[in-house]
Amino acid sequence: MTRRFIRLICSALARVGLTLLLVNAADAAGHPLELPATLQAALASLRNGQYRQTLEASRSLQESFPSHPLPFLIEAESHWGLIFCQTGHINAREIWNSAEESSSSFDEDFFRSVEEALSAAEAMRESPDTAALGTFYEGLAHGVLARLYTLRAESLNSARAGKQMRESLLEAAAVAPDLQADADAGLGAYNYYADVLSPLIKLFRFFLLIPGGDRQRGLEQLESASQGAVLVAPEARYELAKIYGLRENRPDDALPLFRSLAAQFPGNAIFALSAAIQAERNGAKDLAIDLSRKAVQASRQMDHVCRVRLEAASQHALERLTGGDSF
């Protein structure tokens, strides 16, 4: 028996095992995106801003679920969190997806994780029982890439990755309607940003045959995902809150979304500080002070690269609101 034949058998067995895992989980929970407790715990850690802790968990999960894309996506998202803390636009008045530096020390690991997620998703697509899920996770992986390229204003790369995300999510939802609400998180972001792009970017889009967007439809899809998605509702809520607060000038709509995220994930100072910024814009000074204090406290529990920037920004916001009397 040749080594190649052995590898083929092992690969086939891994795919069968993955199929049984996903089918059994879906039968038990009633939805294809319901996850085992270990994967749910890793996502909670990620959303709480515990990025290095989540990285350790993701590597263990990759051993437990070697053919599943999600552990690799969780790893990529953890690297993304560190990249944003290190290079993203963070200050006492605004947190936004634009980069203050064009690269990060976490880049290599980020791109490797995304490639591994894409490979796992492609393998998942080979089985009829998991093809729609594989296509869905493929869309999520392209979306993670598009977000990084957008952060760095790499317009062509962002457009290409966004187009691939859109195609995969549309295909997944068409095959498996249960995935529609979660697919709407990515589709909504695509529709919104593709419609509000600068004229130069729209010109690039035309020559690359990249589909146009629909601002209002994008907002509706993000709202739907923030309420009905099984896997990515918090991410949809966060994207919608950022759009309302920083692009649509609707702080009264952004504030409850940020507050809900800060309450659900108290360890992530980004959520608390974002909520404080919107509370101040709404004239709710006492609430803004309380949220700023929570942001300071949360930042001190985060990884060093996040703590350095978020504690300073949160402290500056608190000092501005209290006239220097922080505590």
C-alpha atoms as a PDB file:
ATOM      1  CA  MET A   1       0.000   0.000   0.000  1.00  0.00           C
ATOM      2  CA  THR A   2       1.615   3.283  -1.102  1.00  0.00           C
ATOM      3  CA  ARG A   3       1.917   6.356   1.046  1.00  0.00           C
ATOM      4  CA  ARG A   4      -0.222   8.292  -1.415  1.00  0.00           C
ATOM      5  CA  PHE A   5      -2.997   5.711  -1.088  1.00  0.00           C
ATOM      6  CA  ILE A   6      -2.789   5.870   2.707  1.00  0.00           C
ATOM      7  CA  ARG A   7      -3.042   9.660   2.601  1.00  0.00           C
ATOM      8  CA  LEU A   8      -6.107   9.432   0.354  1.00  0.00           C
ATOM      9  CA  ILE A   9      -7.781   7.000   2.746  1.00  0.00           C
ATOM     10  CA  CYS A  10      -7.014   9.229   5.746  1.00  0.00           C
ATOM     11  CA  SER A  11      -8.324  12.261   3.923  1.00  0.00           C
ATOM     12  CA  ALA A  12     -11.521  10.433   3.005  1.00  0.00           C
ATOM     13  CA  LEU A  13     -12.015   9.251   6.587  1.00  0.00           C
ATOM     14  CA  ALA A  14     -11.500  12.785   7.870  1.00  0.00           C
ATOM     15  CA  ARG A  15     -14.174  14.068   5.489  1.00  0.00           C
ATOM     16  CA  VAL A  16     -16.566  11.301   6.562  1.00  0.00           C
ATOM     17  CA  GLY A  17     -15.915  12.130  10.217  1.00  0.00           C
ATOM     18  CA  LEU A  18     -16.535  15.802   9.601  1.00  0.00           C
ATOM     19  CA  THR A  19     -19.747  15.030   7.713  1.00  0.00           C
ATOM     20  CA  LEU A  20     -21.029  12.886  10.566  1.00  0.00           C
ATOM     21  CA  LEU A  21     -20.086  15.550  13.116  1.00  0.00           C
ATOM     22  CA  LEU A  22     -21.907  18.321  11.261  1.00  0.00           C
ATOM     23  CA  VAL A  23     -24.946  16.253  10.329  1.00  0.00           C
ATOM     24  CA  ASN A  24     -25.356  14.959  13.876  1.00  0.00           C
ATOM     25  CA  ALA A  25     -24.916  18.449  15.320  1.00  0.00           C
ATOM     26  CA  ALA A  26     -27.472  19.865  12.906  1.00  0.00           C
ATOM     27  CA  ASP A  27     -29.945  17.073  13.707  1.00  0.00           C
ATOM     28  CA  ALA A  28     -29.543  17.663  17.429  1.00  0.00           C
ATOM     29  CA  ALA A  29     -29.712  21.444  17.369  1.00  0.00           C
ATOM     30  CA  GLY A  30     -31.992  22.006  14.393  1.00  0.00           C
ATOM     31  CA  HIS A  31     -29.660  24.427  12.610  1.00  0.00           C
ATOM     32  CA  PRO A  32     -26.490  23.764  10.594  1.00  0.00           C
ATOM     33  CA  LEU A  33     -24.559  26.547  12.365  1.00  0.00           C
ATOM     34  CA  GLU A  34     -25.197  25.390  15.914  1.00  0.00           C
ATOM     35  CA  LEU A  35     -21.771  24.538  17.348  1.00  0.00           C
ATOM     36  CA  PRO A  36     -20.243  22.242  19.961  1.00  0.00           C
ATOM     37  CA  ALA A  37     -19.605  23.894  23.319  1.00  0.00           C
ATOM     38  CA  THR A  38     -15.835  24.079  22.796  1.00  0.00           C
ATOM     39  CA  LEU A  39     -16.215  26.119  19.606  1.00  0.00           C
ATOM     40  CA  GLN A  40     -18.809  28.372  21.259  1.00  0.00           C
ATOM     41  CA  ALA A  41     -16.419  29.003  24.158  1.00  0.00           C
ATOM     42  CA  ALA A  42     -13.629  30.001  21.760  1.00  0.00           C
ATOM     43  CA  LEU A  43     -15.929  32.454  19.992  1.00  0.00           C
ATOM     44  CA  ALA A  44     -16.944  33.982  23.328  1.00  0.00           C
ATOM     45  CA  SER A  45     -13.280  34.410  24.260  1.00  0.00           C
ATOM     46  CA  LEU A  46     -12.588  36.022  20.881  1.00  0.00           C
ATOM     47  CA  ARG A  47     -15.488  38.475  21.217  1.00  0.00           C
ATOM     48  CA  ASN A  48     -14.349  39.345  24.729  1.00  0.00           C
ATOM     49  CA  GLY A  49     -11.063  40.549  23.265  1.00  0.00           C
ATOM     50  CA  GLN A  50      -8.934  37.780  24.778  1.00  0.00           C
ATOM     51  CA  TYR A  51      -7.017  37.266  21.573  1.00  0.00           C
ATOM     52  CA  ARG A  52      -3.938  35.367  22.719  1.00  0.00           C
ATOM     53  CA  GLN A  53      -6.036  33.102  24.914  1.00  0.00           C
ATOM     54  CA  THR A  54      -8.260  32.436  21.911  1.00  0.00           C
ATOM     55  CA  LEU A  55      -5.228  31.634  19.766  1.00  0.00           C
ATOM     56  CA  GLU A  56      -4.240  28.897  22.195  1.00  0.00           C
ATOM     57  CA  ALA A  57      -7.778  27.514  22.157  1.00  0.00           C
ATOM     58  CA  SER A  58      -7.960  27.627  18.354  1.00  0.00           C
ATOM     59  CA  ARG A  59      -4.830  25.513  18.000  1.00  0.00           C
ATOM     60  CA  SER A  60      -6.317  22.881  20.274  1.00  0.00           C
ATOM     61  CA  LEU A  61      -9.570  23.019  18.309  1.00  0.00           C
ATOM     62  CA  GLN A  62      -7.676  22.500  15.057  1.00  0.00           C
ATOM     63  CA  GLU A  63      -6.520  19.165  16.476  1.00  0.00           C
ATOM     64  CA  SER A  64     -10.041  18.251  17.593  1.00  0.00           C
ATOM     65  CA  PHE A  65     -11.705  19.419  14.358  1.00  0.00           C
ATOM     66  CA  PRO A  66      -8.889  19.139  11.779  1.00  0.00           C
ATOM     67  CA  SER A  67     -11.207  19.335   8.765  1.00  0.00           C
ATOM     68  CA  HIS A  68     -13.433  22.169   9.977  1.00  0.00           C
ATOM     69  CA  PRO A  69     -12.769  25.743   8.747  1.00  0.00           C
ATOM     70  CA  LEU A  70     -14.033  27.459  11.889  1.00  0.00           C
ATOM     71  CA  PRO A  71     -11.012  26.851  14.175  1.00  0.00           C
ATOM     72  CA  PHE A  72      -8.801  28.388  11.480  1.00  0.00           C
ATOM     73  CA  LEU A  73     -11.202  31.307  11.093  1.00  0.00           C
ATOM     74  CA  ILE A  74     -11.165  31.839  14.857  1.00  0.00           C
ATOM     75  CA  GLU A  75      -7.361  31.916  14.700  1.00  0.00           C
ATOM     76  CA  ALA A  76      -7.478  34.434  11.831  1.00  0.00           C
ATOM     77  CA  GLU A  77      -9.958  36.613  13.729  1.00  0.00           C
ATOM     78  CA  SER A  78      -7.682  36.550  16.778  1.00  0.00           C
ATOM     79  CA  HIS A  79      -4.784  37.778  14.662  1.00  0.00           C
ATOM     80  CA  TRP A  80      -7.112  40.391  13.157  1.00  0.00           C
ATOM     81  CA  GLY A  81      -7.949  41.659  16.661  1.00  0.00           C
ATOM     82  CA  LEU A  82      -4.263  42.055  17.455  1.00  0.00           C
ATOM     83  CA  ILE A  83      -3.618  43.724  14.090  1.00  0.00           C
ATOM     84  CA  PHE A  84      -6.397  46.225  14.699  1.00  0.00           C
ATOM     85  CA  CYS A  85      -5.219  46.999  18.225  1.00  0.00           C
ATOM     86  CA  GLN A  86      -1.695  47.533  16.907  1.00  0.00           C
ATOM     87  CA  THR A  87      -2.433  49.544  13.759  1.00  0.00           C
ATOM     88  CA  GLY A  88      -6.102  50.564  13.657  1.00  0.00           C
ATOM     89  CA  HIS A  89      -7.594  54.039  14.109  1.00  0.00           C
ATOM     90  CA  ILE A  90      -8.252  54.179  17.865  1.00  0.00           C
ATOM     91  CA  ASN A  91      -8.549  57.331  19.946  1.00  0.00           C
ATOM     92  CA  ALA A  92     -10.745  58.872  22.620  1.00  0.00           C
ATOM     93  CA  ARG A  93     -13.292  60.174  20.109  1.00  0.00           C
ATOM     94  CA  GLU A  94     -13.396  57.562  17.355  1.00  0.00           C
ATOM     95  CA  ILE A  95     -12.690  53.921  16.562  1.00  0.00           C
ATOM     96  CA  TRP A  96     -12.798  53.131  12.867  1.00  0.00           C
ATOM     97  CA  ASN A  97     -11.545  50.600  10.321  1.00  0.00           C
ATOM     98  CA  SER A  98      -8.637  52.506   8.888  1.00  0.00           C
ATOM     99  CA  ALA A  99      -4.984  51.734   9.446  1.00  0.00           C
ATOM    100  CA  GLU A 100      -2.350  54.031  10.843  1.00  0.00           C
ATOM    101  CA  GLU A 101       0.357  51.614   9.641  1.00  0.00           C
ATOM    102  CA  SER A 102       0.462  49.529   6.462  1.00  0.00           C
ATOM    103  CA  SER A 103       1.662  46.291   8.037  1.00  0.00           C
ATOM    104  CA  SER A 104       1.752  44.416  11.325  1.00  0.00           C
ATOM    105  CA  SER A 105       3.926  41.832  12.997  1.00  0.00           C
ATOM    106  CA  PHE A 106       0.853  39.562  13.014  1.00  0.00           C
ATOM    107  CA  ASP A 107       0.370  39.616   9.230  1.00  0.00           C
ATOM    108  CA  GLU A 108       2.109  36.366   8.359  1.00  0.00           C
ATOM    109  CA  ASP A 109       0.102  34.325  10.868  1.00  0.00           C
ATOM    110  CA  PHE A 110      -3.121  36.052   9.811  1.00  0.00           C
ATOM    111  CA  PHE A 111      -2.741  35.203   6.122  1.00  0.00           C
ATOM    112  CA  ARG A 112      -1.664  31.636   6.904  1.00  0.00           C
ATOM    113  CA  SER A 113      -4.775  31.097   9.036  1.00  0.00           C
ATOM    114  CA  VAL A 114      -7.047  32.422   6.304  1.00  0.00           C
ATOM    115  CA  GLU A 115      -5.453  30.146   3.719  1.00  0.00           C
ATOM    116  CA  GLU A 116      -5.934  27.145   5.994  1.00  0.00           C
ATOM    117  CA  ALA A 117      -9.577  28.118   6.516  1.00  0.00           C
ATOM    118  CA  LEU A 118     -10.073  28.360   2.755  1.00  0.00           C
ATOM    119  CA  SER A 119      -8.458  24.945   2.215  1.00  0.00           C
ATOM    120  CA  ALA A 120     -10.688  23.355   4.850  1.00  0.00           C
ATOM    121  CA  ALA A 121     -13.773  25.024   3.365  1.00  0.00           C
ATOM    122  CA  GLU A 122     -12.847  23.775  -0.117  1.00  0.00           C
ATOM    123  CA  ALA A 123     -12.502  20.227   1.199  1.00  0.00           C
ATOM    124  CA  MET A 124     -15.870  20.536   2.946  1.00  0.00           C
ATOM    125  CA  ARG A 125     -17.466  21.515  -0.360  1.00  0.00           C
ATOM    126  CA  GLU A 126     -16.532  18.141  -1.856  1.00  0.00           C
ATOM    127  CA  SER A 127     -19.198  16.311   0.147  1.00  0.00           C
ATOM    128  CA  PRO A 128     -22.844  16.905  -0.809  1.00  0.00           C
ATOM    129  CA  ASP A 129     -23.821  16.826   2.876  1.00  0.00           C
ATOM    130  CA  THR A 130     -21.507  19.711   3.774  1.00  0.00           C
ATOM    131  CA  ALA A 131     -21.160  21.574   0.472  1.00  0.00           C
ATOM    132  CA  ALA A 132     -23.360  24.522   1.469  1.00  0.00           C
ATOM    133  CA  LEU A 133     -21.557  24.925   4.795  1.00  0.00           C
ATOM    134  CA  GLY A 134     -18.202  24.765   3.058  1.00  0.00           C
ATOM    135  CA  THR A 135     -19.309  27.493   0.667  1.00  0.00           C
ATOM    136  CA  PHE A 136     -20.558  29.594   3.580  1.00  0.00           C
ATOM    137  CA  TYR A 137     -17.273  29.324   5.491  1.00  0.00           C
ATOM    138  CA  GLU A 138     -15.402  30.072   2.283  1.00  0.00           C
ATOM    139  CA  GLY A 139     -17.398  33.301   2.093  1.00  0.00           C
ATOM    140  CA  LEU A 140     -16.508  34.165   5.686  1.00  0.00           C
ATOM    141  CA  ALA A 141     -12.812  33.620   4.973  1.00  0.00           C
ATOM    142  CA  HIS A 142     -12.896  35.931   1.958  1.00  0.00           C
ATOM    143  CA  GLY A 143     -14.737  38.462   4.110  1.00  0.00           C
ATOM    144  CA  VAL A 144     -11.949  38.419   6.702  1.00  0.00           C
ATOM    145  CA  LEU A 145      -9.449  39.151   3.925  1.00  0.00           C
ATOM    146  CA  ALA A 146     -11.608  41.948   2.503  1.00  0.00           C
ATOM    147  CA  ARG A 147     -11.804  43.596   5.915  1.00  0.00           C
ATOM    148  CA  LEU A 148      -8.014  43.686   6.316  1.00  0.00           C
ATOM    149  CA  TYR A 149      -7.517  45.072   2.821  1.00  0.00           C
ATOM    150  CA  THR A 150     -10.190  47.693   3.514  1.00  0.00           C
ATOM    151  CA  LEU A 151      -8.427  48.627   6.752  1.00  0.00           C
ATOM    152  CA  ARG A 152      -5.293  49.353   4.729  1.00  0.00           C
ATOM    153  CA  ALA A 153      -7.082  51.066   1.839  1.00  0.00           C
ATOM    154  CA  GLU A 154      -5.907  48.356  -0.572  1.00  0.00           C
ATOM    155  CA  SER A 155      -8.891  48.989  -2.799  1.00  0.00           C
ATOM    156  CA  LEU A 156      -8.296  46.444  -5.552  1.00  0.00           C
ATOM    157  CA  ASN A 157      -7.532  43.602  -3.144  1.00  0.00           C
ATOM    158  CA  SER A 158     -10.519  44.564  -1.018  1.00  0.00           C
ATOM    159  CA  ALA A 159     -12.807  44.620  -4.056  1.00  0.00           C
ATOM    160  CA  ARG A 160     -11.629  41.220  -5.275  1.00  0.00           C
ATOM    161  CA  ALA A 161     -11.995  39.586  -1.866  1.00  0.00           C
ATOM    162  CA  GLY A 162     -15.384  41.244  -1.388  1.00  0.00           C
ATOM    163  CA  LYS A 163     -16.580  39.915  -4.725  1.00  0.00           C
ATOM    164  CA  GLN A 164     -15.501  36.383  -3.787  1.00  0.00           C
ATOM    165  CA  MET A 165     -17.209  36.700  -0.408  1.00  0.00           C
ATOM    166  CA  ARG A 166     -20.435  37.831  -2.054  1.00  0.00           C
ATOM    167  CA  GLU A 167     -20.433  34.989  -4.590  1.00  0.00           C
ATOM    168  CA  SER A 168     -19.840  32.330  -1.938  1.00  0.00           C
ATOM    169  CA  LEU A 169     -22.456  33.647   0.489  1.00  0.00           C
ATOM    170  CA  LEU A 170     -25.087  34.002  -2.225  1.00  0.00           C
ATOM    171  CA  GLU A 171     -24.427  30.429  -3.359  1.00  0.00           C
ATOM    172  CA  ALA A 172     -24.541  29.050   0.179  1.00  0.00           C
ATOM    173  CA  ALA A 173     -27.833  30.765   1.009  1.00  0.00           C
ATOM    174  CA  ALA A 174     -29.378  29.658  -2.299  1.00  0.00           C
ATOM    175  CA  VAL A 175     -28.558  26.019  -1.563  1.00  0.00           C
ATOM    176  CA  ALA A 176     -29.345  26.145   2.180  1.00  0.00           C
ATOM    177  CA  PRO A 177     -31.903  28.859   3.107  1.00  0.00           C
ATOM    178  CA  ASP A 178     -31.180  28.270   6.816  1.00  0.00           C
ATOM    179  CA  LEU A 179     -27.880  30.081   6.195  1.00  0.00           C
ATOM    180  CA  GLN A 180     -29.533  33.243   4.834  1.00  0.00           C
ATOM    181  CA  ALA A 181     -29.566  35.285   8.059  1.00  0.00           C
ATOM    182  CA  ASP A 182     -25.871  34.617   8.672  1.00  0.00           C
ATOM    183  CA  ALA A 183     -24.994  35.202   5.029  1.00  0.00           C
ATOM    184  CA  ASP A 184     -26.783  38.557   5.278  1.00  0.00           C
ATOM    185  CA  ALA A 185     -24.049  39.799   7.639  1.00  0.00           C
ATOM    186  CA  GLY A 186     -21.472  39.658   4.844  1.00  0.00           C
ATOM    187  CA  LEU A 187     -23.893  40.507   2.054  1.00  0.00           C
ATOM    188  CA  GLY A 188     -25.175  43.518   3.967  1.00  0.00           C
ATOM    189  CA  ALA A 189     -21.681  44.878   4.531  1.00  0.00           C
ATOM    190  CA  TYR A 190     -20.902  44.341   0.846  1.00  0.00           C
ATOM    191  CA  ASN A 191     -24.083  46.058  -0.351  1.00  0.00           C
ATOM    192  CA  TYR A 192     -23.584  49.026   1.944  1.00  0.00           C
ATOM    193  CA  TYR A 193     -19.929  49.726   1.266  1.00  0.00           C
ATOM    194  CA  ALA A 194     -20.119  48.981  -2.467  1.00  0.00           C
ATOM    195  CA  ASP A 195     -22.744  51.720  -2.720  1.00  0.00           C
ATOM    196  CA  VAL A 196     -20.956  54.371  -0.653  1.00  0.00           C
ATOM    197  CA  LEU A 197     -17.518  53.951  -2.217  1.00  0.00           C
ATOM    198  CA  SER A 198     -15.608  56.891  -3.638  1.00  0.00           C
ATOM    199  CA  PRO A 199     -15.923  57.540  -7.412  1.00  0.00           C
ATOM    200  CA  LEU A 200     -12.369  56.247  -7.977  1.00  0.00           C
ATOM    201  CA  ILE A 201     -13.159  52.927  -6.314  1.00  0.00           C
ATOM    202  CA  LYS A 202     -16.380  52.673  -8.300  1.00  0.00           C
ATOM    203  CA  LEU A 203     -14.299  53.071 -11.458  1.00  0.00           C
ATOM    204  CA  PHE A 204     -12.093  50.160 -10.398  1.00  0.00           C
ATOM    205  CA  ARG A 205     -15.229  48.168  -9.672  1.00  0.00           C
ATOM    206  CA  PHE A 206     -16.516  48.760 -13.196  1.00  0.00           C
ATOM    207  CA  PHE A 207     -13.347  47.500 -14.879  1.00  0.00           C
ATOM    208  CA  LEU A 208     -13.097  44.458 -12.574  1.00  0.00           C
ATOM    209  CA  LEU A 209     -16.742  43.499 -13.199  1.00  0.00           C
ATOM    210  CA  ILE A 210     -17.476  43.762  -9.490  1.00  0.00           C
ATOM    211  CA  PRO A 211     -21.226  43.956  -8.733  1.00  0.00           C
ATOM    212  CA  GLY A 212     -22.619  47.212  -7.403  1.00  0.00           C
ATOM    213  CA  GLY A 213     -24.237  47.656  -4.029  1.00  0.00           C
ATOM    214  CA  ASP A 214     -27.388  49.030  -2.462  1.00  0.00           C
ATOM    215  CA  ARG A 215     -26.954  51.148   0.658  1.00  0.00           C
ATOM    216  CA  GLN A 216     -30.480  50.716   2.008  1.00  0.00           C
ATOM    217  CA  ARG A 217     -30.567  47.010   1.226  1.00  0.00           C
ATOM    218  CA  GLY A 218     -27.241  46.614   2.972  1.00  0.00           C
ATOM    219  CA  LEU A 219     -28.561  48.251   6.136  1.00  0.00           C
ATOM    220  CA  GLU A 220     -31.641  46.027   6.055  1.00  0.00           C
ATOM    221  CA  GLN A 221     -29.514  42.893   5.671  1.00  0.00           C
ATOM    222  CA  LEU A 222     -27.243  43.895   8.552  1.00  0.00           C
ATOM    223  CA  GLU A 223     -30.268  44.574  10.730  1.00  0.00           C
ATOM    224  CA  SER A 224     -31.686  41.162   9.822  1.00  0.00           C
ATOM    225  CA  ALA A 225     -28.384  39.440  10.566  1.00  0.00           C
ATOM    226  CA  SER A 226     -27.926  41.272  13.865  1.00  0.00           C
ATOM    227  CA  GLN A 227     -31.268  39.873  15.046  1.00  0.00           C
ATOM    228  CA  GLY A 228     -31.530  36.495  13.333  1.00  0.00           C
ATOM    229  CA  ALA A 229     -28.047  35.139  12.603  1.00  0.00           C
ATOM    230  CA  VAL A 230     -27.046  32.025  14.499  1.00  0.00           C
ATOM    231  CA  LEU A 231     -23.253  32.301  14.223  1.00  0.00           C
ATOM    232  CA  VAL A 232     -22.347  35.907  13.403  1.00  0.00           C
ATOM    233  CA  ALA A 233     -25.071  38.057  15.011  1.00  0.00           C
ATOM    234  CA  PRO A 234     -22.575  39.944  17.262  1.00  0.00           C
ATOM    235  CA  GLU A 235     -20.363  40.742  14.272  1.00  0.00           C
ATOM    236  CA  ALA A 236     -23.373  42.008  12.302  1.00  0.00           C
ATOM    237  CA  ARG A 237     -24.445  44.142  15.273  1.00  0.00           C
ATOM    238  CA  TYR A 238     -20.968  45.641  15.568  1.00  0.00           C
ATOM    239  CA  GLU A 239     -20.738  46.463  11.863  1.00  0.00           C
ATOM    240  CA  LEU A 240     -24.190  48.037  11.919  1.00  0.00           C
ATOM    241  CA  ALA A 241     -23.345  50.056  15.026  1.00  0.00           C
ATOM    242  CA  LYS A 242     -20.170  51.401  13.392  1.00  0.00           C
ATOM    243  CA  ILE A 243     -22.070  52.388  10.270  1.00  0.00           C
ATOM    244  CA  TYR A 244     -24.820  54.124  12.247  1.00  0.00           C
ATOM    245  CA  GLY A 245     -22.365  55.940  14.487  1.00  0.00           C
ATOM    246  CA  LEU A 246     -19.615  56.910  12.058  1.00  0.00           C
ATOM    247  CA  ARG A 247     -21.121  56.970   8.577  1.00  0.00           C
ATOM    248  CA  GLU A 248     -24.848  57.575   8.947  1.00  0.00           C
ATOM    249  CA  ASN A 249     -24.660  60.095  11.815  1.00  0.00           C
ATOM    250  CA  ARG A 250     -27.244  58.155  13.800  1.00  0.00           C
ATOM    251  CA  PRO A 251     -25.745  57.958  17.304  1.00  0.00           C
ATOM    252  CA  ASP A 252     -29.151  57.262  18.830  1.00  0.00           C
ATOM    253  CA  ASP A 253     -29.305  54.035  16.794  1.00  0.00           C
ATOM    254  CA  ALA A 254     -25.631  53.170  17.296  1.00  0.00           C
ATOM    255  CA  LEU A 255     -25.684  53.526  21.092  1.00  0.00           C
ATOM    256  CA  PRO A 256     -28.041  50.633  21.995  1.00  0.00           C
ATOM    257  CA  LEU A 257     -26.139  48.302  19.676  1.00  0.00           C
ATOM    258  CA  PHE A 258     -22.774  49.171  21.222  1.00  0.00           C
ATOM    259  CA  ARG A 259     -24.247  48.968  24.735  1.00  0.00           C
ATOM    260  CA  SER A 260     -25.641  45.498  24.081  1.00  0.00           C
ATOM    261  CA  LEU A 261     -22.229  44.342  22.847  1.00  0.00           C
ATOM    262  CA  ALA A 262     -20.465  45.888  25.850  1.00  0.00           C
ATOM    263  CA  ALA A 263     -22.894  44.145  28.195  1.00  0.00           C
ATOM    264  CA  GLN A 264     -22.607  40.791  26.451  1.00  0.00           C
ATOM    265  CA  PHE A 265     -18.808  40.954  26.115  1.00  0.00           C
ATOM    266  CA  PRO A 266     -17.586  43.071  29.052  1.00  0.00           C
ATOM    267  CA  GLY A 267     -13.959  42.068  28.531  1.00  0.00           C
ATOM    268  CA  ASN A 268     -13.654  43.891  25.213  1.00  0.00           C
ATOM    269  CA  ALA A 269     -12.825  47.553  25.757  1.00  0.00           C
ATOM    270  CA  ILE A 270     -13.542  48.358  22.097  1.00  0.00           C
ATOM    271  CA  PHE A 271     -17.259  47.822  22.689  1.00  0.00           C
ATOM    272  CA  ALA A 272     -17.404  49.830  25.915  1.00  0.00           C
ATOM    273  CA  LEU A 273     -15.365  52.734  24.530  1.00  0.00           C
ATOM    274  CA  SER A 274     -17.421  52.785  21.324  1.00  0.00           C
ATOM    275  CA  ALA A 275     -20.587  52.926  23.418  1.00  0.00           C
ATOM    276  CA  ALA A 276     -19.120  55.742  25.538  1.00  0.00           C
ATOM    277  CA  ILE A 277     -18.303  57.770  22.427  1.00  0.00           C
ATOM    278  CA  GLN A 278     -21.862  57.427  21.123  1.00  0.00           C
ATOM    279  CA  ALA A 279     -23.360  58.196  24.558  1.00  0.00           C
ATOM    280  CA  GLU A 280     -21.367  61.428  24.650  1.00  0.00           C
ATOM    281  CA  ARG A 281     -22.607  62.314  21.169  1.00  0.00           C
ATOM    282  CA  ASN A 282     -26.157  61.721  22.424  1.00  0.00           C
ATOM    283  CA  GLY A 283     -25.633  64.090  25.340  1.00  0.00           C
ATOM    284  CA  ALA A 284     -25.816  61.281  27.904  1.00  0.00           C
ATOM    285  CA  LYS A 285     -22.766  62.415  29.831  1.00  0.00           C
ATOM    286  CA  ASP A 286     -23.275  60.300  32.969  1.00  0.00           C
ATOM    287  CA  LEU A 287     -23.716  57.186  30.872  1.00  0.00           C
ATOM    288  CA  ALA A 288     -20.642  58.076  28.825  1.00  0.00           C
ATOM    289  CA  ILE A 289     -18.592  58.435  32.017  1.00  0.00           C
ATOM    290  CA  ASP A 290     -19.778  55.050  33.299  1.00  0.00           C
ATOM    291  CA  LEU A 291     -18.989  53.368  29.986  1.00  0.00           C
ATOM    292  CA  SER A 292     -15.573  55.031  29.786  1.00  0.00           C
ATOM    293  CA  ARG A 293     -14.713  53.693  33.232  1.00  0.00           C
ATOM    294  CA  LYS A 294     -15.762  50.229  32.134  1.00  0.00           C
ATOM    295  CA  ALA A 295     -13.593  50.600  29.035  1.00  0.00           C
ATOM    296  CA  VAL A 296     -10.564  51.527  31.158  1.00  0.00           C
ATOM    297  CA  GLN A 297     -11.118  48.522  33.418  1.00  0.00           C
ATOM    298  CA  ALA A 298     -11.693  46.148  30.482  1.00  0.00           C
ATOM    299  CA  SER A 299      -8.613  47.380  28.630  1.00  0.00           C
ATOM    300  CA  ARG A 300      -6.403  46.450  31.577  1.00  0.00           C
ATOM    301  CA  GLN A 301      -7.434  42.810  31.179  1.00  0.00           C
ATOM    302  CA  MET A 302      -6.650  42.642  27.466  1.00  0.00           C
ATOM    303  CA  ASP A 303      -3.472  41.554  25.685  1.00  0.00           C
ATOM    304  CA  HIS A 304      -0.591  44.000  25.931  1.00  0.00           C
ATOM    305  CA  VAL A 305      -0.839  45.253  22.349  1.00  0.00           C
ATOM    306  CA  CYS A 306      -4.519  46.110  22.946  1.00  0.00           C
ATOM    307  CA  ARG A 307      -4.079  47.378  26.485  1.00  0.00           C
ATOM    308  CA  VAL A 308      -1.478  49.956  25.467  1.00  0.00           C
ATOM    309  CA  ARG A 309      -3.758  51.758  23.029  1.00  0.00           C
ATOM    310  CA  LEU A 310      -7.212  51.113  24.467  1.00  0.00           C
ATOM    311  CA  GLU A 311      -6.352  52.040  28.038  1.00  0.00           C
ATOM    312  CA  ALA A 312      -4.864  55.349  26.883  1.00  0.00           C
ATOM    313  CA  ALA A 313      -7.850  56.147  24.642  1.00  0.00           C
ATOM    314  CA  SER A 314     -10.385  55.172  27.309  1.00  0.00           C
ATOM    315  CA  GLN A 315      -8.557  57.154  29.983  1.00  0.00           C
ATOM    316  CA  HIS A 316      -8.442  60.244  27.758  1.00  0.00           C
ATOM    317  CA  ALA A 317     -12.174  59.945  27.090  1.00  0.00           C
ATOM    318  CA  LEU A 318     -12.852  59.635  30.812  1.00  0.00           C
ATOM    319  CA  GLU A 319     -10.659  62.615  31.690  1.00  0.00           C
ATOM    320  CA  ARG A 320     -12.357  64.767  29.066  1.00  0.00           C
ATOM    321  CA  LEU A 321     -15.797  63.848  30.387  1.00  0.00           C
ATOM    322  CA  THR A 322     -14.917  64.340  34.055  1.00  0.00           C
ATOM    323  CA  GLY A 323     -12.656  67.347  33.692  1.00  0.00           C
ATOM    324  CA  GLY A 324      -9.645  65.333  34.795  1.00  0.00           C
ATOM    325  CA  ASP A 325     -11.314  63.768  37.846  1.00  0.00           C
ATOM    326  CA  SER A 326     -11.357  60.200  36.507  1.00  0.00           C
ATOM    327  CA  PHE A 327     -12.340  58.257  39.580  1.00  0.00           C
END
